[in-house]
Amino acid sequence: MRFSMIEIRDLVKAWFAITLAFTIVLAGTGKGFLTYLLIYGVAVGISFLCHELGHKFVAQRYHLWAEFRSFDFMLIVAVACSFLGFVFAAPGAVMISGHMDVKKNGKISLMGPLTNIILAVAFIMAFFASAQLGLASELVRNAMLLGGFKINSWLALFNLLPFGNFDGTKILKWSKPVYAAMVVVCCIMMGISGLL
């Protein structure tokens, strides 16, 4: 994959803003905030970056130009909404140019939420395995692993919203069965997330 300096700058900026937003929602702003910020920075970094790079990878496989751009106003909105108890996770998008039909656009869009679903499964498996085997501290298990599961579950479902330029709109236009299956899986994950 190829990256420009502008893209790297925008990825870092969005990564920080989304990390801040998730930290405020999941841990609050009180005692241990900086510790949680660092831990969630890793979990969000894996989740957010893999989501966006998933789009970029598939687009470039189709020989399309693809680069991430942050939406600075939406970064502010994400942090502001976190004080209300939720993350409005629309920090930017992978901008794509070149010939792209509905099928290609759907597959490129699918890769982001699908990546988050795969990561959510990996995080929750690591959470239960580390609890059984005592491989990680309670802080790491709860913040990094369980937090990673919750972050990825939310990012996958949020991006499947069938509005505007969200991934869900393009997936739904390409394949209703694929879209429905993704939503069902994400709703199950969010249900599990609410129980843990």
C-alpha atoms as a PDB file:
ATOM      1  CA  MET A   1       0.000   0.000   0.000  1.00  0.00           C
ATOM      2  CA  ARG A   2       1.117   3.521  -0.752  1.00  0.00           C
ATOM      3  CA  PHE A   3       0.687   6.464   1.650  1.00  0.00           C
ATOM      4  CA  SER A   4       1.173  10.202   1.263  1.00  0.00           C
ATOM      5  CA  MET A   5       2.301  12.459   4.106  1.00  0.00           C
ATOM      6  CA  ILE A   6      -1.130  14.149   4.072  1.00  0.00           C
ATOM      7  CA  GLU A   7      -2.816  10.768   4.523  1.00  0.00           C
ATOM      8  CA  ILE A   8      -0.512   9.806   7.403  1.00  0.00           C
ATOM      9  CA  ARG A   9      -1.195  13.163   9.086  1.00  0.00           C
ATOM     10  CA  ASP A  10      -4.957  12.715   8.720  1.00  0.00           C
ATOM     11  CA  LEU A  11      -4.870   9.117   9.989  1.00  0.00           C
ATOM     12  CA  VAL A  12      -2.952  10.167  13.108  1.00  0.00           C
ATOM     13  CA  LYS A  13      -5.272  13.123  13.746  1.00  0.00           C
ATOM     14  CA  ALA A  14      -8.401  10.963  13.406  1.00  0.00           C
ATOM     15  CA  TRP A  15      -6.849   8.167  15.491  1.00  0.00           C
ATOM     16  CA  PHE A  16      -6.214  10.572  18.366  1.00  0.00           C
ATOM     17  CA  ALA A  17      -9.705  12.126  18.241  1.00  0.00           C
ATOM     18  CA  ILE A  18     -11.498   8.765  18.130  1.00  0.00           C
ATOM     19  CA  THR A  19      -9.263   7.420  20.913  1.00  0.00           C
ATOM     20  CA  LEU A  20     -10.148  10.436  23.043  1.00  0.00           C
ATOM     21  CA  ALA A  21     -13.867   9.969  22.332  1.00  0.00           C
ATOM     22  CA  PHE A  22     -13.879   6.242  23.169  1.00  0.00           C
ATOM     23  CA  THR A  23     -11.819   6.839  26.314  1.00  0.00           C
ATOM     24  CA  ILE A  24     -14.316   9.419  27.583  1.00  0.00           C
ATOM     25  CA  VAL A  25     -17.256   7.058  26.911  1.00  0.00           C
ATOM     26  CA  LEU A  26     -15.683   3.864  28.254  1.00  0.00           C
ATOM     27  CA  ALA A  27     -13.572   5.195  31.154  1.00  0.00           C
ATOM     28  CA  GLY A  28     -14.687   8.742  31.901  1.00  0.00           C
ATOM     29  CA  THR A  29     -12.379  11.667  32.584  1.00  0.00           C
ATOM     30  CA  GLY A  30     -11.526  10.915  36.191  1.00  0.00           C
ATOM     31  CA  LYS A  31      -8.776   8.936  37.866  1.00  0.00           C
ATOM     32  CA  GLY A  32      -6.515   6.992  35.529  1.00  0.00           C
ATOM     33  CA  PHE A  33      -7.651   8.890  32.432  1.00  0.00           C
ATOM     34  CA  LEU A  34      -4.166   9.033  30.865  1.00  0.00           C
ATOM     35  CA  THR A  35      -3.609   5.317  31.464  1.00  0.00           C
ATOM     36  CA  TYR A  36      -6.921   4.501  29.803  1.00  0.00           C
ATOM     37  CA  LEU A  37      -6.147   6.918  26.975  1.00  0.00           C
ATOM     38  CA  LEU A  38      -2.942   5.006  26.204  1.00  0.00           C
ATOM     39  CA  ILE A  39      -4.622   1.590  26.445  1.00  0.00           C
ATOM     40  CA  TYR A  40      -7.598   2.598  24.339  1.00  0.00           C
ATOM     41  CA  GLY A  41      -5.166   4.264  21.941  1.00  0.00           C
ATOM     42  CA  VAL A  42      -3.836   0.808  21.085  1.00  0.00           C
ATOM     43  CA  ALA A  43      -7.304  -0.783  20.816  1.00  0.00           C
ATOM     44  CA  VAL A  44      -8.712   2.112  18.773  1.00  0.00           C
ATOM     45  CA  GLY A  45      -5.571   2.260  16.659  1.00  0.00           C
ATOM     46  CA  ILE A  46      -5.929  -1.382  15.673  1.00  0.00           C
ATOM     47  CA  SER A  47      -9.687  -1.023  15.103  1.00  0.00           C
ATOM     48  CA  PHE A  48      -9.838   2.315  13.290  1.00  0.00           C
ATOM     49  CA  LEU A  49      -6.677   1.886  11.229  1.00  0.00           C
ATOM     50  CA  CYS A  50      -7.532  -1.652  10.109  1.00  0.00           C
ATOM     51  CA  HIS A  51     -11.042  -0.507   9.132  1.00  0.00           C
ATOM     52  CA  GLU A  52      -9.754   2.331   6.950  1.00  0.00           C
ATOM     53  CA  LEU A  53      -6.830   0.356   5.557  1.00  0.00           C
ATOM     54  CA  GLY A  54      -9.253  -2.446   4.676  1.00  0.00           C
ATOM     55  CA  HIS A  55     -11.082  -0.030   2.373  1.00  0.00           C
ATOM     56  CA  LYS A  56      -7.797   1.235   0.953  1.00  0.00           C
ATOM     57  CA  PHE A  57      -6.410  -2.263   0.346  1.00  0.00           C
ATOM     58  CA  VAL A  58      -9.447  -3.463  -1.623  1.00  0.00           C
ATOM     59  CA  ALA A  59      -9.653  -0.216  -3.610  1.00  0.00           C
ATOM     60  CA  GLN A  60      -6.005  -0.469  -4.573  1.00  0.00           C
ATOM     61  CA  ARG A  61      -6.510  -4.112  -5.554  1.00  0.00           C
ATOM     62  CA  TYR A  62      -9.022  -2.754  -8.061  1.00  0.00           C
ATOM     63  CA  HIS A  63      -6.274  -0.332  -9.246  1.00  0.00           C
ATOM     64  CA  LEU A  64      -8.108   2.702  -7.883  1.00  0.00           C
ATOM     65  CA  TRP A  65      -6.532   5.713  -6.194  1.00  0.00           C
ATOM     66  CA  ALA A  66      -7.423   5.592  -2.490  1.00  0.00           C
ATOM     67  CA  GLU A  67      -6.337   7.813   0.404  1.00  0.00           C
ATOM     68  CA  PHE A  68      -7.816   8.557   3.820  1.00  0.00           C
ATOM     69  CA  ARG A  69      -8.860  12.119   4.624  1.00  0.00           C
ATOM     70  CA  SER A  70     -10.036  13.265   8.030  1.00  0.00           C
ATOM     71  CA  PHE A  71     -13.145  15.417   8.440  1.00  0.00           C
ATOM     72  CA  ASP A  72     -11.941  17.902  11.048  1.00  0.00           C
ATOM     73  CA  PHE A  73     -15.428  19.108  12.002  1.00  0.00           C
ATOM     74  CA  MET A  74     -16.542  15.499  12.551  1.00  0.00           C
ATOM     75  CA  LEU A  75     -13.537  14.896  14.814  1.00  0.00           C
ATOM     76  CA  ILE A  76     -14.809  17.717  17.028  1.00  0.00           C
ATOM     77  CA  VAL A  77     -18.339  16.254  16.869  1.00  0.00           C
ATOM     78  CA  ALA A  78     -17.018  12.820  17.901  1.00  0.00           C
ATOM     79  CA  VAL A  79     -15.300  14.226  20.996  1.00  0.00           C
ATOM     80  CA  ALA A  80     -18.290  16.458  21.866  1.00  0.00           C
ATOM     81  CA  CYS A  81     -20.747  13.544  21.563  1.00  0.00           C
ATOM     82  CA  SER A  82     -18.564  11.409  23.822  1.00  0.00           C
ATOM     83  CA  PHE A  83     -19.506  13.689  26.717  1.00  0.00           C
ATOM     84  CA  LEU A  84     -23.123  12.699  26.001  1.00  0.00           C
ATOM     85  CA  GLY A  85     -22.224   9.017  26.329  1.00  0.00           C
ATOM     86  CA  PHE A  86     -21.769   7.825  22.740  1.00  0.00           C
ATOM     87  CA  VAL A  87     -19.213   7.989  19.945  1.00  0.00           C
ATOM     88  CA  PHE A  88     -20.298   9.429  16.609  1.00  0.00           C
ATOM     89  CA  ALA A  89     -17.548   7.652  14.721  1.00  0.00           C
ATOM     90  CA  ALA A  90     -17.283   9.465  11.396  1.00  0.00           C
ATOM     91  CA  PRO A  91     -13.735  10.849  11.577  1.00  0.00           C
ATOM     92  CA  GLY A  92     -13.131  10.749   7.853  1.00  0.00           C
ATOM     93  CA  ALA A  93     -13.155   8.409   4.893  1.00  0.00           C
ATOM     94  CA  VAL A  94     -10.983   6.760   2.314  1.00  0.00           C
ATOM     95  CA  MET A  95     -11.387   8.900  -0.788  1.00  0.00           C
ATOM     96  CA  ILE A  96     -11.430   6.812  -3.947  1.00  0.00           C
ATOM     97  CA  SER A  97     -11.198   7.798  -7.593  1.00  0.00           C
ATOM     98  CA  GLY A  98     -11.258   5.788 -10.771  1.00  0.00           C
ATOM     99  CA  HIS A  99     -13.862   3.599 -12.485  1.00  0.00           C
ATOM    100  CA  MET A 100     -15.969   1.895  -9.845  1.00  0.00           C
ATOM    101  CA  ASP A 101     -19.280   0.088 -10.338  1.00  0.00           C
ATOM    102  CA  VAL A 102     -21.853  -0.772  -7.649  1.00  0.00           C
ATOM    103  CA  LYS A 103     -20.310  -4.194  -6.995  1.00  0.00           C
ATOM    104  CA  LYS A 104     -16.774  -2.876  -6.553  1.00  0.00           C
ATOM    105  CA  ASN A 105     -18.025  -0.022  -4.379  1.00  0.00           C
ATOM    106  CA  GLY A 106     -19.999  -2.486  -2.247  1.00  0.00           C
ATOM    107  CA  LYS A 107     -17.013  -4.782  -1.764  1.00  0.00           C
ATOM    108  CA  ILE A 108     -14.693  -1.886  -0.916  1.00  0.00           C
ATOM    109  CA  SER A 109     -17.246  -0.612   1.611  1.00  0.00           C
ATOM    110  CA  LEU A 110     -17.811  -4.099   3.055  1.00  0.00           C
ATOM    111  CA  MET A 111     -14.152  -4.499   3.981  1.00  0.00           C
ATOM    112  CA  GLY A 112     -14.245  -1.865   6.756  1.00  0.00           C
ATOM    113  CA  PRO A 113     -17.097  -3.307   8.881  1.00  0.00           C
ATOM    114  CA  LEU A 114     -16.012  -6.876   8.063  1.00  0.00           C
ATOM    115  CA  THR A 115     -12.546  -6.084   9.400  1.00  0.00           C
ATOM    116  CA  ASN A 116     -14.143  -4.758  12.613  1.00  0.00           C
ATOM    117  CA  ILE A 117     -16.221  -7.939  13.006  1.00  0.00           C
ATOM    118  CA  ILE A 118     -13.122 -10.114  12.623  1.00  0.00           C
ATOM    119  CA  LEU A 119     -11.214  -7.954  15.112  1.00  0.00           C
ATOM    120  CA  ALA A 120     -14.136  -8.041  17.573  1.00  0.00           C
ATOM    121  CA  VAL A 121     -14.083 -11.845  17.511  1.00  0.00           C
ATOM    122  CA  ALA A 122     -10.300 -11.856  18.017  1.00  0.00           C
ATOM    123  CA  PHE A 123     -10.541  -9.407  20.946  1.00  0.00           C
ATOM    124  CA  ILE A 124     -13.308 -11.329  22.740  1.00  0.00           C
ATOM    125  CA  MET A 125     -11.504 -14.653  22.277  1.00  0.00           C
ATOM    126  CA  ALA A 126      -8.331 -13.102  23.697  1.00  0.00           C
ATOM    127  CA  PHE A 127     -10.382 -11.665  26.585  1.00  0.00           C
ATOM    128  CA  PHE A 128     -11.789 -15.059  27.622  1.00  0.00           C
ATOM    129  CA  ALA A 129      -8.497 -16.894  26.993  1.00  0.00           C
ATOM    130  CA  SER A 130      -6.499 -14.409  29.073  1.00  0.00           C
ATOM    131  CA  ALA A 131      -9.053 -14.638  31.902  1.00  0.00           C
ATOM    132  CA  GLN A 132      -8.815 -18.448  31.902  1.00  0.00           C
ATOM    133  CA  LEU A 133      -5.046 -18.572  31.664  1.00  0.00           C
ATOM    134  CA  GLY A 134      -4.256 -15.492  33.770  1.00  0.00           C
ATOM    135  CA  LEU A 135      -2.086 -14.047  30.992  1.00  0.00           C
ATOM    136  CA  ALA A 136      -2.959 -10.394  31.471  1.00  0.00           C
ATOM    137  CA  SER A 137      -3.799  -8.001  34.265  1.00  0.00           C
ATOM    138  CA  GLU A 138      -7.420  -7.117  34.927  1.00  0.00           C
ATOM    139  CA  LEU A 139      -6.811  -3.631  33.528  1.00  0.00           C
ATOM    140  CA  VAL A 140      -5.456  -4.975  30.236  1.00  0.00           C
ATOM    141  CA  ARG A 141      -8.218  -7.602  29.990  1.00  0.00           C
ATOM    142  CA  ASN A 142     -11.017  -5.136  30.669  1.00  0.00           C
ATOM    143  CA  ALA A 143      -9.704  -2.047  28.875  1.00  0.00           C
ATOM    144  CA  MET A 144      -7.672  -3.458  25.997  1.00  0.00           C
ATOM    145  CA  LEU A 145      -9.387  -6.764  25.194  1.00  0.00           C
ATOM    146  CA  LEU A 146     -12.978  -6.230  26.296  1.00  0.00           C
ATOM    147  CA  GLY A 147     -12.690  -2.590  25.218  1.00  0.00           C
ATOM    148  CA  GLY A 148     -11.392  -3.730  21.831  1.00  0.00           C
ATOM    149  CA  PHE A 149     -14.408  -6.002  21.432  1.00  0.00           C
ATOM    150  CA  LYS A 150     -16.828  -3.187  22.300  1.00  0.00           C
ATOM    151  CA  ILE A 151     -15.049  -0.653  20.074  1.00  0.00           C
ATOM    152  CA  ASN A 152     -15.042  -2.973  17.062  1.00  0.00           C
ATOM    153  CA  SER A 153     -18.656  -4.015  17.600  1.00  0.00           C
ATOM    154  CA  TRP A 154     -19.713  -0.361  17.661  1.00  0.00           C
ATOM    155  CA  LEU A 155     -17.568   0.670  14.684  1.00  0.00           C
ATOM    156  CA  ALA A 156     -18.932  -2.192  12.574  1.00  0.00           C
ATOM    157  CA  LEU A 157     -22.575  -1.458  13.392  1.00  0.00           C
ATOM    158  CA  PHE A 158     -22.214   2.323  13.164  1.00  0.00           C
ATOM    159  CA  ASN A 159     -20.620   2.115   9.731  1.00  0.00           C
ATOM    160  CA  LEU A 160     -23.479  -0.090   8.513  1.00  0.00           C
ATOM    161  CA  LEU A 161     -25.992   2.740   8.940  1.00  0.00           C
ATOM    162  CA  PRO A 162     -27.727   3.055   5.535  1.00  0.00           C
ATOM    163  CA  PHE A 163     -27.459   6.842   5.401  1.00  0.00           C
ATOM    164  CA  GLY A 164     -25.440   9.324   3.382  1.00  0.00           C
ATOM    165  CA  ASN A 165     -21.974   8.130   2.492  1.00  0.00           C
ATOM    166  CA  PHE A 166     -21.731   5.444   5.200  1.00  0.00           C
ATOM    167  CA  ASP A 167     -20.507   1.975   4.237  1.00  0.00           C
ATOM    168  CA  GLY A 168     -23.985   0.589   4.855  1.00  0.00           C
ATOM    169  CA  THR A 169     -25.503   2.619   2.010  1.00  0.00           C
ATOM    170  CA  LYS A 170     -23.057   1.222  -0.539  1.00  0.00           C
ATOM    171  CA  ILE A 171     -23.238  -2.374   0.768  1.00  0.00           C
ATOM    172  CA  LEU A 172     -27.048  -2.281   0.734  1.00  0.00           C
ATOM    173  CA  LYS A 173     -27.063  -0.973  -2.848  1.00  0.00           C
ATOM    174  CA  TRP A 174     -24.762  -3.829  -3.891  1.00  0.00           C
ATOM    175  CA  SER A 175     -26.266  -6.771  -1.935  1.00  0.00           C
ATOM    176  CA  LYS A 176     -29.230  -6.785   0.428  1.00  0.00           C
ATOM    177  CA  PRO A 177     -28.477 -10.336   1.747  1.00  0.00           C
ATOM    178  CA  VAL A 178     -24.859  -9.405   2.596  1.00  0.00           C
ATOM    179  CA  TYR A 179     -26.046  -6.206   4.266  1.00  0.00           C
ATOM    180  CA  ALA A 180     -28.707  -8.057   6.300  1.00  0.00           C
ATOM    181  CA  ALA A 181     -26.206 -10.708   7.441  1.00  0.00           C
ATOM    182  CA  MET A 182     -23.731  -8.045   8.533  1.00  0.00           C
ATOM    183  CA  VAL A 183     -26.378  -6.148  10.515  1.00  0.00           C
ATOM    184  CA  VAL A 184     -27.556  -9.340  12.272  1.00  0.00           C
ATOM    185  CA  VAL A 185     -23.994 -10.252  13.272  1.00  0.00           C
ATOM    186  CA  CYS A 186     -23.317  -6.720  14.523  1.00  0.00           C
ATOM    187  CA  CYS A 187     -26.548  -6.613  16.543  1.00  0.00           C
ATOM    188  CA  ILE A 188     -25.618  -9.914  18.204  1.00  0.00           C
ATOM    189  CA  MET A 189     -22.156  -8.528  19.027  1.00  0.00           C
ATOM    190  CA  MET A 190     -23.657  -5.334  20.452  1.00  0.00           C
ATOM    191  CA  GLY A 191     -26.018  -7.454  22.550  1.00  0.00           C
ATOM    192  CA  ILE A 192     -23.086  -9.436  23.939  1.00  0.00           C
ATOM    193  CA  SER A 193     -21.201  -6.180  24.488  1.00  0.00           C
ATOM    194  CA  GLY A 194     -24.061  -4.869  26.598  1.00  0.00           C
ATOM    195  CA  LEU A 195     -23.970  -7.978  28.796  1.00  0.00           C
ATOM    196  CA  LEU A 196     -20.214  -7.830  29.505  1.00  0.00           C
END
